[in-house]
Amino acid sequence: MKRLSNEQRREIAALAGKKDADIDLSEMPEVLDWSGAQIGRFYRAKKRPITIRLDEDVIAWLKGYGSGYQTKANLLLRHAMVNLKGKRSGTRG
């Protein structure tokens, strides 16, 4: 990763010291409609290979949608994780 130059650090420090109202955003208006946003376009979570045992019918179902079944499984698990945060039942598997 490339380090910041001293000039860049000074510029960032100067911006950080300003109040929001003092920053001119006229050339980049606030985005109010995020309906076309793409989740994960610029961020890629670090992957770690694991071994997991799944029921054969679950694997067949995932593979039935074509290639990339591991990615699909990850997306399904991420969706469950995001939507179930803070709703733990207290049971362990």
N, C-alpha and C. Protein backbone atom coordinates (compact mmCIF):
# COMPACT_ATOMS: atom_id res chain seq x y z
N MET A 1 0.84 -1.17 0.00
CA MET A 1 0.00 0.00 0.00
C MET A 1 0.89 1.24 0.00
N LYS A 2 0.57 2.20 -0.85
CA LYS A 2 1.35 3.42 -0.96
C LYS A 2 1.06 4.35 0.22
N ARG A 3 2.12 4.89 0.79
CA ARG A 3 1.97 5.80 1.93
C ARG A 3 1.64 7.21 1.45
N LEU A 4 0.98 7.97 2.31
CA LEU A 4 0.64 9.35 2.00
C LEU A 4 1.87 10.24 2.11
N SER A 5 1.93 11.22 1.24
CA SER A 5 3.02 12.20 1.32
C SER A 5 2.71 13.17 2.46
N ASN A 6 3.71 13.92 2.88
CA ASN A 6 3.50 14.91 3.94
C ASN A 6 2.47 15.95 3.51
N GLU A 7 2.49 16.33 2.25
CA GLU A 7 1.52 17.30 1.74
C GLU A 7 0.10 16.74 1.83
N GLN A 8 -0.07 15.48 1.47
CA GLN A 8 -1.39 14.85 1.56
C GLN A 8 -1.86 14.77 3.01
N ARG A 9 -0.96 14.47 3.91
CA ARG A 9 -1.32 14.41 5.33
C ARG A 9 -1.76 15.77 5.85
N ARG A 10 -1.06 16.83 5.43
CA ARG A 10 -1.43 18.19 5.85
C ARG A 10 -2.81 18.56 5.30
N GLU A 11 -3.06 18.19 4.04
CA GLU A 11 -4.35 18.49 3.41
C GLU A 11 -5.49 17.77 4.13
N ILE A 12 -5.29 16.51 4.46
CA ILE A 12 -6.30 15.74 5.18
C ILE A 12 -6.54 16.32 6.57
N ALA A 13 -5.46 16.69 7.26
CA ALA A 13 -5.59 17.29 8.58
C ALA A 13 -6.36 18.60 8.51
N ALA A 14 -6.10 19.41 7.47
CA ALA A 14 -6.80 20.68 7.31
C ALA A 14 -8.29 20.44 7.06
N LEU A 15 -8.62 19.46 6.24
CA LEU A 15 -10.02 19.14 5.99
C LEU A 15 -10.70 18.59 7.24
N ALA A 16 -10.00 17.75 7.97
CA ALA A 16 -10.58 17.16 9.18
C ALA A 16 -10.87 18.23 10.24
N GLY A 17 -10.11 19.31 10.20
CA GLY A 17 -10.30 20.37 11.16
C GLY A 17 -11.46 21.30 10.85
N LYS A 18 -12.00 21.18 9.64
CA LYS A 18 -13.11 22.06 9.24
C LYS A 18 -14.45 21.51 9.75
N LYS A 19 -15.39 22.42 9.95
CA LYS A 19 -16.76 22.03 10.26
C LYS A 19 -17.44 21.64 8.95
N ASP A 20 -18.42 20.76 9.03
CA ASP A 20 -19.13 20.32 7.82
C ASP A 20 -19.69 21.50 7.02
N ALA A 21 -20.22 22.49 7.71
CA ALA A 21 -20.84 23.64 7.04
C ALA A 21 -19.82 24.47 6.27
N ASP A 22 -18.53 24.36 6.61
CA ASP A 22 -17.49 25.14 5.96
C ASP A 22 -16.91 24.46 4.72
N ILE A 23 -17.33 23.24 4.44
CA ILE A 23 -16.80 22.50 3.29
C ILE A 23 -17.72 22.73 2.09
N ASP A 24 -17.14 23.18 0.98
CA ASP A 24 -17.90 23.47 -0.23
C ASP A 24 -18.16 22.18 -1.01
N LEU A 25 -19.42 21.77 -1.06
CA LEU A 25 -19.79 20.55 -1.77
C LEU A 25 -20.59 20.84 -3.03
N SER A 26 -20.52 22.08 -3.52
CA SER A 26 -21.34 22.48 -4.65
C SER A 26 -21.02 21.70 -5.92
N GLU A 27 -19.80 21.22 -6.06
CA GLU A 27 -19.43 20.47 -7.26
C GLU A 27 -19.73 18.98 -7.14
N MET A 28 -20.16 18.55 -5.97
CA MET A 28 -20.54 17.15 -5.78
C MET A 28 -21.75 17.09 -4.85
N PRO A 29 -22.93 17.26 -5.44
CA PRO A 29 -24.15 17.27 -4.65
C PRO A 29 -24.40 15.93 -3.96
N GLU A 30 -25.10 15.99 -2.85
CA GLU A 30 -25.41 14.80 -2.07
C GLU A 30 -26.30 13.86 -2.87
N VAL A 31 -26.00 12.57 -2.79
CA VAL A 31 -26.82 11.56 -3.46
C VAL A 31 -27.99 11.23 -2.55
N LEU A 32 -29.19 11.43 -3.04
CA LEU A 32 -30.38 11.15 -2.25
C LEU A 32 -31.08 9.86 -2.67
N ASP A 33 -30.87 9.44 -3.91
CA ASP A 33 -31.51 8.23 -4.42
C ASP A 33 -30.46 7.13 -4.56
N TRP A 34 -30.51 6.16 -3.67
CA TRP A 34 -29.53 5.07 -3.67
C TRP A 34 -30.12 3.79 -4.27
N SER A 35 -31.25 3.90 -4.99
CA SER A 35 -31.91 2.70 -5.51
C SER A 35 -31.05 1.95 -6.53
N GLY A 36 -30.14 2.64 -7.21
CA GLY A 36 -29.29 1.97 -8.20
C GLY A 36 -27.93 1.56 -7.65
N ALA A 37 -27.73 1.69 -6.34
CA ALA A 37 -26.44 1.36 -5.74
C ALA A 37 -26.17 -0.14 -5.84
N GLN A 38 -24.90 -0.48 -5.95
CA GLN A 38 -24.50 -1.88 -6.03
C GLN A 38 -23.72 -2.23 -4.77
N ILE A 39 -24.24 -3.18 -4.02
CA ILE A 39 -23.59 -3.61 -2.78
C ILE A 39 -22.37 -4.45 -3.12
N GLY A 40 -21.26 -4.15 -2.47
CA GLY A 40 -20.05 -4.93 -2.64
C GLY A 40 -19.25 -4.66 -3.90
N ARG A 41 -19.58 -3.60 -4.64
CA ARG A 41 -18.88 -3.33 -5.89
C ARG A 41 -17.41 -2.99 -5.64
N PHE A 42 -17.12 -2.26 -4.59
CA PHE A 42 -15.74 -1.84 -4.33
C PHE A 42 -15.13 -2.53 -3.12
N TYR A 43 -15.93 -3.27 -2.38
CA TYR A 43 -15.42 -3.95 -1.19
C TYR A 43 -15.52 -5.45 -1.40
N ARG A 44 -14.45 -6.13 -1.13
CA ARG A 44 -14.44 -7.59 -1.20
C ARG A 44 -13.94 -8.11 0.14
N ALA A 45 -14.80 -8.83 0.83
CA ALA A 45 -14.41 -9.40 2.11
C ALA A 45 -13.30 -10.44 1.90
N LYS A 46 -12.42 -10.54 2.87
CA LYS A 46 -11.36 -11.53 2.80
C LYS A 46 -11.97 -12.92 2.92
N LYS A 47 -11.59 -13.81 2.04
CA LYS A 47 -12.11 -15.17 2.02
C LYS A 47 -11.15 -16.11 2.73
N ARG A 48 -11.72 -17.15 3.34
CA ARG A 48 -10.91 -18.16 4.01
C ARG A 48 -11.47 -19.53 3.64
N PRO A 49 -10.63 -20.41 3.11
CA PRO A 49 -11.13 -21.74 2.75
C PRO A 49 -11.45 -22.55 4.00
N ILE A 50 -12.59 -23.22 3.96
CA ILE A 50 -13.00 -24.08 5.07
C ILE A 50 -13.57 -25.37 4.51
N THR A 51 -13.79 -26.33 5.38
CA THR A 51 -14.51 -27.54 5.01
C THR A 51 -15.82 -27.50 5.78
N ILE A 52 -16.92 -27.70 5.06
CA ILE A 52 -18.24 -27.67 5.69
C ILE A 52 -19.05 -28.85 5.15
N ARG A 53 -19.82 -29.46 5.99
CA ARG A 53 -20.66 -30.59 5.58
C ARG A 53 -22.09 -30.08 5.40
N LEU A 54 -22.59 -30.25 4.19
CA LEU A 54 -23.96 -29.83 3.88
C LEU A 54 -24.74 -31.05 3.40
N ASP A 55 -26.03 -31.01 3.58
CA ASP A 55 -26.88 -32.09 3.09
C ASP A 55 -26.80 -32.15 1.56
N GLU A 56 -26.86 -33.36 1.02
CA GLU A 56 -26.74 -33.55 -0.42
C GLU A 56 -27.80 -32.78 -1.20
N ASP A 57 -29.02 -32.72 -0.67
CA ASP A 57 -30.07 -32.02 -1.40
C ASP A 57 -29.84 -30.51 -1.42
N VAL A 58 -29.19 -29.99 -0.37
CA VAL A 58 -28.85 -28.56 -0.34
C VAL A 58 -27.79 -28.26 -1.39
N ILE A 59 -26.78 -29.11 -1.48
CA ILE A 59 -25.73 -28.93 -2.48
C ILE A 59 -26.31 -29.04 -3.89
N ALA A 60 -27.19 -30.02 -4.10
CA ALA A 60 -27.82 -30.18 -5.42
C ALA A 60 -28.64 -28.94 -5.77
N TRP A 61 -29.35 -28.40 -4.80
CA TRP A 61 -30.16 -27.20 -5.03
C TRP A 61 -29.26 -26.02 -5.42
N LEU A 62 -28.16 -25.82 -4.68
CA LEU A 62 -27.23 -24.72 -4.99
C LEU A 62 -26.61 -24.91 -6.37
N LYS A 63 -26.17 -26.12 -6.67
CA LYS A 63 -25.55 -26.39 -7.97
C LYS A 63 -26.55 -26.31 -9.12
N GLY A 64 -27.83 -26.47 -8.81
CA GLY A 64 -28.87 -26.41 -9.82
C GLY A 64 -29.00 -25.04 -10.46
N TYR A 65 -28.45 -24.02 -9.83
CA TYR A 65 -28.49 -22.66 -10.37
C TYR A 65 -27.27 -22.36 -11.24
N GLY A 66 -26.44 -23.37 -11.48
CA GLY A 66 -25.28 -23.18 -12.34
C GLY A 66 -24.01 -23.02 -11.53
N SER A 67 -22.95 -22.58 -12.21
CA SER A 67 -21.65 -22.46 -11.55
C SER A 67 -21.70 -21.37 -10.48
N GLY A 68 -20.78 -21.45 -9.57
CA GLY A 68 -20.71 -20.45 -8.50
C GLY A 68 -21.54 -20.81 -7.29
N TYR A 69 -21.76 -22.09 -7.05
CA TYR A 69 -22.62 -22.48 -5.94
C TYR A 69 -22.03 -22.09 -4.58
N GLN A 70 -20.69 -22.06 -4.47
CA GLN A 70 -20.09 -21.64 -3.20
C GLN A 70 -20.34 -20.17 -2.94
N THR A 71 -20.28 -19.36 -3.98
CA THR A 71 -20.58 -17.93 -3.86
C THR A 71 -22.04 -17.74 -3.46
N LYS A 72 -22.93 -18.52 -4.06
CA LYS A 72 -24.35 -18.43 -3.71
C LYS A 72 -24.57 -18.82 -2.25
N ALA A 73 -23.89 -19.88 -1.79
CA ALA A 73 -24.02 -20.29 -0.40
C ALA A 73 -23.53 -19.18 0.52
N ASN A 74 -22.43 -18.53 0.15
CA ASN A 74 -21.90 -17.43 0.95
C ASN A 74 -22.89 -16.27 1.02
N LEU A 75 -23.51 -15.94 -0.14
CA LEU A 75 -24.49 -14.86 -0.17
C LEU A 75 -25.69 -15.17 0.71
N LEU A 76 -26.16 -16.42 0.68
CA LEU A 76 -27.29 -16.82 1.51
C LEU A 76 -26.94 -16.73 3.00
N LEU A 77 -25.74 -17.18 3.35
CA LEU A 77 -25.30 -17.11 4.74
C LEU A 77 -25.12 -15.66 5.19
N ARG A 78 -24.57 -14.81 4.31
CA ARG A 78 -24.40 -13.40 4.64
C ARG A 78 -25.75 -12.73 4.84
N HIS A 79 -26.72 -13.05 3.98
CA HIS A 79 -28.06 -12.49 4.12
C HIS A 79 -28.66 -12.88 5.47
N ALA A 80 -28.52 -14.15 5.84
CA ALA A 80 -29.03 -14.61 7.13
C ALA A 80 -28.30 -13.90 8.27
N MET A 81 -26.98 -13.75 8.15
CA MET A 81 -26.20 -13.10 9.20
C MET A 81 -26.65 -11.66 9.41
N VAL A 82 -26.80 -10.92 8.31
CA VAL A 82 -27.19 -9.51 8.40
C VAL A 82 -28.59 -9.37 8.98
N ASN A 83 -29.50 -10.23 8.55
CA ASN A 83 -30.89 -10.11 8.98
C ASN A 83 -31.17 -10.70 10.35
N LEU A 84 -30.27 -11.50 10.86
CA LEU A 84 -30.47 -12.12 12.18
C LEU A 84 -29.58 -11.52 13.26
N LYS A 85 -28.82 -10.47 12.94
CA LYS A 85 -27.94 -9.85 13.94
C LYS A 85 -28.77 -9.42 15.14
N GLY A 86 -28.30 -9.77 16.31
CA GLY A 86 -28.98 -9.37 17.53
C GLY A 86 -30.19 -10.23 17.86
N LYS A 87 -30.46 -11.27 17.06
CA LYS A 87 -31.62 -12.13 17.30
C LYS A 87 -31.19 -13.55 17.64
N ARG A 88 -30.10 -13.69 18.33
CA ARG A 88 -29.60 -15.03 18.64
C ARG A 88 -30.54 -15.75 19.60
N SER A 89 -30.77 -17.00 19.33
CA SER A 89 -31.73 -17.77 20.13
C SER A 89 -31.10 -18.35 21.37
N GLY A 90 -29.78 -18.31 21.48
CA GLY A 90 -29.12 -18.87 22.65
C GLY A 90 -28.78 -20.33 22.49
N THR A 91 -29.13 -20.94 21.37
CA THR A 91 -28.80 -22.34 21.14
C THR A 91 -27.50 -22.45 20.37
N ARG A 92 -26.82 -23.53 20.54
CA ARG A 92 -25.56 -23.76 19.82
C ARG A 92 -25.71 -25.02 19.00
N GLY A 93 -25.07 -24.96 17.80
CA GLY A 93 -25.18 -26.12 16.91
C GLY A 93 -23.99 -26.99 16.92
